[in-house]
């Protein structure tokens, strides 16, 4: 007897669409729908760790980008936006919140007096070092739901798919 799992939410939605629109191929929902649901669940789980440190996902991302910069742990706001893939307007709001919390400082750039530099404070560095350690522990816990071979296969598939999508969307990409 075949070991069958019960229909998940995505499979039920696909079954409804197959009944209502048998003329449309709904098989992509099997992958895309599950990726969306998984992304939502992963975000929920990751945000629990960020919240433990009084951070939102965006603030965590900014602190990580500064910490990854290496000493003296600073970047220009535009550079931070590029390293976190958010708009400069959204970056300003994040930096404002982090500055009010005493986790970053802003100063004028030595090279361009109109420019600003954002830097981690000592409390900011201590917080992100601890938060990042817990974040990696949490990611390991989440990934351990797969076998090592499954995790490696998934990483390879996702890397391939992302690369192809980015190439196709790049200017001049086919």
C-alpha atoms as a PDB file:
ATOM      1  CA  UNK A   1       0.000   0.000   0.000  1.00  0.00           C
ATOM      2  CA  UNK A   2       1.325   3.397  -1.020  1.00  0.00           C
ATOM      3  CA  UNK A   3       2.218   5.880   1.775  1.00  0.00           C
ATOM      4  CA  UNK A   4       0.160   8.940   0.831  1.00  0.00           C
ATOM      5  CA  UNK A   5       0.181  12.208   2.711  1.00  0.00           C
ATOM      6  CA  UNK A   6      -3.114  14.037   3.189  1.00  0.00           C
ATOM      7  CA  UNK A   7      -3.769  16.902   0.801  1.00  0.00           C
ATOM      8  CA  UNK A   8      -2.195  20.114   2.005  1.00  0.00           C
ATOM      9  CA  UNK A   9      -3.744  23.543   1.448  1.00  0.00           C
ATOM     10  CA  UNK A  10      -2.011  24.007  -1.901  1.00  0.00           C
ATOM     11  CA  UNK A  11      -3.163  20.596  -3.162  1.00  0.00           C
ATOM     12  CA  UNK A  12      -6.742  21.411  -2.131  1.00  0.00           C
ATOM     13  CA  UNK A  13      -6.591  24.730  -4.000  1.00  0.00           C
ATOM     14  CA  UNK A  14      -5.192  22.970  -7.068  1.00  0.00           C
ATOM     15  CA  UNK A  15      -7.966  20.368  -6.889  1.00  0.00           C
ATOM     16  CA  UNK A  16     -10.577  23.145  -6.754  1.00  0.00           C
ATOM     17  CA  UNK A  17      -9.038  24.870  -9.777  1.00  0.00           C
ATOM     18  CA  UNK A  18      -8.767  21.632 -11.720  1.00  0.00           C
ATOM     19  CA  UNK A  19     -12.479  21.087 -11.114  1.00  0.00           C
ATOM     20  CA  UNK A  20     -13.432  24.684 -11.983  1.00  0.00           C
ATOM     21  CA  UNK A  21     -10.911  25.330 -14.756  1.00  0.00           C
ATOM     22  CA  UNK A  22      -9.786  22.014 -16.245  1.00  0.00           C
ATOM     23  CA  UNK A  23      -8.532  23.981 -19.274  1.00  0.00           C
ATOM     24  CA  UNK A  24      -5.754  25.679 -17.223  1.00  0.00           C
ATOM     25  CA  UNK A  25      -2.548  23.945 -16.123  1.00  0.00           C
ATOM     26  CA  UNK A  26      -2.402  24.593 -12.375  1.00  0.00           C
ATOM     27  CA  UNK A  27       0.663  22.419 -11.741  1.00  0.00           C
ATOM     28  CA  UNK A  28       2.941  25.484 -11.173  1.00  0.00           C
ATOM     29  CA  UNK A  29       0.958  26.182  -8.001  1.00  0.00           C
ATOM     30  CA  UNK A  30       2.415  22.994  -6.562  1.00  0.00           C
ATOM     31  CA  UNK A  31       5.833  24.627  -6.414  1.00  0.00           C
ATOM     32  CA  UNK A  32       5.093  28.355  -6.290  1.00  0.00           C
ATOM     33  CA  UNK A  33       2.222  28.062  -3.797  1.00  0.00           C
ATOM     34  CA  UNK A  34       4.266  25.915  -1.452  1.00  0.00           C
ATOM     35  CA  UNK A  35       7.242  28.245  -1.718  1.00  0.00           C
ATOM     36  CA  UNK A  36       4.988  31.163  -0.732  1.00  0.00           C
ATOM     37  CA  UNK A  37       3.566  29.253   2.232  1.00  0.00           C
ATOM     38  CA  UNK A  38       7.018  28.100   3.282  1.00  0.00           C
ATOM     39  CA  UNK A  39       8.435  31.629   2.972  1.00  0.00           C
ATOM     40  CA  UNK A  40       5.631  32.958   5.166  1.00  0.00           C
ATOM     41  CA  UNK A  41       6.222  30.265   7.798  1.00  0.00           C
ATOM     42  CA  UNK A  42       9.988  30.765   7.728  1.00  0.00           C
ATOM     43  CA  UNK A  43       9.569  34.532   8.112  1.00  0.00           C
ATOM     44  CA  UNK A  44       7.333  33.978  11.146  1.00  0.00           C
ATOM     45  CA  UNK A  45       9.918  31.690  12.731  1.00  0.00           C
ATOM     46  CA  UNK A  46      12.835  34.011  11.959  1.00  0.00           C
ATOM     47  CA  UNK A  47      11.001  37.072  13.264  1.00  0.00           C
ATOM     48  CA  UNK A  48      10.537  35.373  16.641  1.00  0.00           C
ATOM     49  CA  UNK A  49      14.307  35.546  17.140  1.00  0.00           C
ATOM     50  CA  UNK A  50      14.524  39.152  15.913  1.00  0.00           C
ATOM     51  CA  UNK A  51      11.700  40.135  18.258  1.00  0.00           C
ATOM     52  CA  UNK A  52      13.519  38.550  21.192  1.00  0.00           C
ATOM     53  CA  UNK A  53      16.158  41.252  20.650  1.00  0.00           C
ATOM     54  CA  UNK A  54      13.663  44.056  20.115  1.00  0.00           C
ATOM     55  CA  UNK A  55      14.339  44.104  16.385  1.00  0.00           C
ATOM     56  CA  UNK A  56      12.194  43.864  13.319  1.00  0.00           C
ATOM     57  CA  UNK A  57      13.328  42.017  10.233  1.00  0.00           C
ATOM     58  CA  UNK A  58      14.542  45.268   8.648  1.00  0.00           C
ATOM     59  CA  UNK A  59      16.548  46.420  11.644  1.00  0.00           C
ATOM     60  CA  UNK A  60      18.155  43.000  11.949  1.00  0.00           C
ATOM     61  CA  UNK A  61      19.089  43.196   8.260  1.00  0.00           C
ATOM     62  CA  UNK A  62      20.707  46.647   8.657  1.00  0.00           C
ATOM     63  CA  UNK A  63      22.697  45.623  11.721  1.00  0.00           C
ATOM     64  CA  UNK A  64      23.902  42.497   9.898  1.00  0.00           C
ATOM     65  CA  UNK A  65      24.978  44.562   6.870  1.00  0.00           C
ATOM     66  CA  UNK A  66      26.993  46.848   9.139  1.00  0.00           C
ATOM     67  CA  UNK A  67      28.543  43.942  11.036  1.00  0.00           C
ATOM     68  CA  UNK A  68      29.490  42.160   7.795  1.00  0.00           C
ATOM     69  CA  UNK A  69      31.298  45.307   6.642  1.00  0.00           C
ATOM     70  CA  UNK A  70      34.082  44.558   9.118  1.00  0.00           C
ATOM     71  CA  UNK A  71      35.848  47.136  11.240  1.00  0.00           C
ATOM     72  CA  UNK A  72      34.989  49.948  11.658  1.00  0.00           C
ATOM     73  CA  UNK A  73      31.481  48.482  10.969  1.00  0.00           C
ATOM     74  CA  UNK A  74      30.149  51.334   8.905  1.00  0.00           C
ATOM     75  CA  UNK A  75      28.598  52.019   5.519  1.00  0.00           C
ATOM     76  CA  UNK A  76      26.948  54.886   3.681  1.00  0.00           C
ATOM     77  CA  UNK A  77      23.119  54.707   3.682  1.00  0.00           C
ATOM     78  CA  UNK A  78      23.046  54.049  -0.087  1.00  0.00           C
ATOM     79  CA  UNK A  79      25.518  51.226   0.353  1.00  0.00           C
ATOM     80  CA  UNK A  80      23.375  49.812   3.165  1.00  0.00           C
ATOM     81  CA  UNK A  81      20.331  49.962   0.896  1.00  0.00           C
ATOM     82  CA  UNK A  82      22.218  48.005  -1.775  1.00  0.00           C
ATOM     83  CA  UNK A  83      23.356  45.392   0.767  1.00  0.00           C
ATOM     84  CA  UNK A  84      19.840  44.940   2.122  1.00  0.00           C
ATOM     85  CA  UNK A  85      17.851  45.402  -1.115  1.00  0.00           C
ATOM     86  CA  UNK A  86      15.555  48.139   0.228  1.00  0.00           C
ATOM     87  CA  UNK A  87      14.880  51.676  -0.949  1.00  0.00           C
ATOM     88  CA  UNK A  88      16.829  54.554   0.524  1.00  0.00           C
ATOM     89  CA  UNK A  89      13.576  55.927   2.009  1.00  0.00           C
ATOM     90  CA  UNK A  90      12.919  52.683   3.864  1.00  0.00           C
ATOM     91  CA  UNK A  91      16.566  52.617   4.905  1.00  0.00           C
ATOM     92  CA  UNK A  92      16.271  56.082   6.465  1.00  0.00           C
ATOM     93  CA  UNK A  93      13.380  54.916   8.649  1.00  0.00           C
ATOM     94  CA  UNK A  94      15.299  51.844   9.763  1.00  0.00           C
ATOM     95  CA  UNK A  95      18.395  53.880  10.573  1.00  0.00           C
ATOM     96  CA  UNK A  96      16.287  56.398  12.506  1.00  0.00           C
ATOM     97  CA  UNK A  97      14.849  53.616  14.698  1.00  0.00           C
ATOM     98  CA  UNK A  98      18.255  52.029  15.254  1.00  0.00           C
ATOM     99  CA  UNK A  99      19.817  55.393  16.097  1.00  0.00           C
ATOM    100  CA  UNK A 100      17.059  56.154  18.648  1.00  0.00           C
ATOM    101  CA  UNK A 101      17.789  52.755  20.219  1.00  0.00           C
ATOM    102  CA  UNK A 102      21.497  53.605  20.481  1.00  0.00           C
ATOM    103  CA  UNK A 103      22.534  50.773  18.159  1.00  0.00           C
ATOM    104  CA  UNK A 104      23.965  52.942  15.352  1.00  0.00           C
ATOM    105  CA  UNK A 105      25.309  56.451  14.926  1.00  0.00           C
ATOM    106  CA  UNK A 106      25.374  58.770  11.918  1.00  0.00           C
ATOM    107  CA  UNK A 107      28.140  61.179  11.025  1.00  0.00           C
ATOM    108  CA  UNK A 108      29.239  63.208   8.049  1.00  0.00           C
ATOM    109  CA  UNK A 109      31.408  61.421   5.549  1.00  0.00           C
ATOM    110  CA  UNK A 110      35.075  62.372   5.577  1.00  0.00           C
ATOM    111  CA  UNK A 111      35.139  62.180   1.767  1.00  0.00           C
ATOM    112  CA  UNK A 112      31.915  64.068   1.057  1.00  0.00           C
ATOM    113  CA  UNK A 113      30.579  66.485   3.679  1.00  0.00           C
ATOM    114  CA  UNK A 114      27.075  66.133   2.205  1.00  0.00           C
ATOM    115  CA  UNK A 115      27.184  62.377   2.642  1.00  0.00           C
ATOM    116  CA  UNK A 116      26.518  60.447   5.805  1.00  0.00           C
ATOM    117  CA  UNK A 117      28.059  57.348   7.313  1.00  0.00           C
ATOM    118  CA  UNK A 118      26.157  54.917   9.532  1.00  0.00           C
ATOM    119  CA  UNK A 119      28.187  52.977  12.091  1.00  0.00           C
ATOM    120  CA  UNK A 120      27.460  50.299  14.665  1.00  0.00           C
ATOM    121  CA  UNK A 121      27.834  51.385  18.275  1.00  0.00           C
ATOM    122  CA  UNK A 122      29.367  49.036  20.819  1.00  0.00           C
ATOM    123  CA  UNK A 123      25.884  48.067  22.107  1.00  0.00           C
ATOM    124  CA  UNK A 124      24.781  47.572  18.487  1.00  0.00           C
ATOM    125  CA  UNK A 125      27.677  45.252  17.783  1.00  0.00           C
ATOM    126  CA  UNK A 126      27.123  43.267  20.963  1.00  0.00           C
ATOM    127  CA  UNK A 127      23.412  42.947  20.205  1.00  0.00           C
ATOM    128  CA  UNK A 128      23.855  41.848  16.595  1.00  0.00           C
ATOM    129  CA  UNK A 129      26.588  39.366  17.491  1.00  0.00           C
ATOM    130  CA  UNK A 130      24.266  37.685  19.990  1.00  0.00           C
ATOM    131  CA  UNK A 131      21.179  37.975  17.756  1.00  0.00           C
ATOM    132  CA  UNK A 132      23.043  36.580  14.736  1.00  0.00           C
ATOM    133  CA  UNK A 133      24.283  33.597  16.744  1.00  0.00           C
ATOM    134  CA  UNK A 134      20.714  32.821  17.810  1.00  0.00           C
ATOM    135  CA  UNK A 135      19.480  33.452  14.261  1.00  0.00           C
ATOM    136  CA  UNK A 136      21.909  30.876  12.863  1.00  0.00           C
ATOM    137  CA  UNK A 137      20.896  28.412  15.581  1.00  0.00           C
ATOM    138  CA  UNK A 138      17.252  28.972  14.588  1.00  0.00           C
ATOM    139  CA  UNK A 139      18.007  28.514  10.877  1.00  0.00           C
ATOM    140  CA  UNK A 140      19.846  25.268  11.682  1.00  0.00           C
ATOM    141  CA  UNK A 141      16.814  24.069  13.667  1.00  0.00           C
ATOM    142  CA  UNK A 142      14.505  24.876  10.732  1.00  0.00           C
ATOM    143  CA  UNK A 143      16.776  23.254   8.158  1.00  0.00           C
ATOM    144  CA  UNK A 144      17.191  20.151  10.308  1.00  0.00           C
ATOM    145  CA  UNK A 145      13.615  19.260   9.359  1.00  0.00           C
ATOM    146  CA  UNK A 146      15.285  18.012   6.162  1.00  0.00           C
ATOM    147  CA  UNK A 147      17.994  15.394   5.853  1.00  0.00           C
ATOM    148  CA  UNK A 148      21.453  16.734   4.941  1.00  0.00           C
ATOM    149  CA  UNK A 149      21.036  15.327   1.410  1.00  0.00           C
ATOM    150  CA  UNK A 150      17.611  16.956   1.043  1.00  0.00           C
ATOM    151  CA  UNK A 151      18.965  20.283   2.275  1.00  0.00           C
ATOM    152  CA  UNK A 152      21.893  20.125  -0.171  1.00  0.00           C
ATOM    153  CA  UNK A 153      19.609  19.196  -3.064  1.00  0.00           C
ATOM    154  CA  UNK A 154      17.226  22.019  -2.183  1.00  0.00           C
ATOM    155  CA  UNK A 155      20.065  24.535  -1.956  1.00  0.00           C
ATOM    156  CA  UNK A 156      21.353  23.443  -5.369  1.00  0.00           C
ATOM    157  CA  UNK A 157      17.897  23.661  -6.952  1.00  0.00           C
ATOM    158  CA  UNK A 158      17.138  27.058  -5.433  1.00  0.00           C
ATOM    159  CA  UNK A 159      20.556  28.428  -6.442  1.00  0.00           C
ATOM    160  CA  UNK A 160      20.056  27.240 -10.011  1.00  0.00           C
ATOM    161  CA  UNK A 161      16.529  28.636 -10.233  1.00  0.00           C
ATOM    162  CA  UNK A 162      17.481  31.987  -8.689  1.00  0.00           C
ATOM    163  CA  UNK A 163      20.473  32.337 -10.986  1.00  0.00           C
ATOM    164  CA  UNK A 164      18.358  31.655 -14.059  1.00  0.00           C
ATOM    165  CA  UNK A 165      15.675  34.112 -12.940  1.00  0.00           C
ATOM    166  CA  UNK A 166      18.223  36.825 -12.219  1.00  0.00           C
ATOM    167  CA  UNK A 167      19.943  36.243 -15.558  1.00  0.00           C
ATOM    168  CA  UNK A 168      16.606  36.359 -17.407  1.00  0.00           C
ATOM    169  CA  UNK A 169      15.654  39.628 -15.696  1.00  0.00           C
ATOM    170  CA  UNK A 170      19.046  41.290 -16.102  1.00  0.00           C
ATOM    171  CA  UNK A 171      19.320  43.951 -18.800  1.00  0.00           C
ATOM    172  CA  UNK A 172      20.254  42.146 -21.984  1.00  0.00           C
ATOM    173  CA  UNK A 173      19.374  38.753 -20.431  1.00  0.00           C
ATOM    174  CA  UNK A 174      17.424  36.351 -22.574  1.00  0.00           C
END
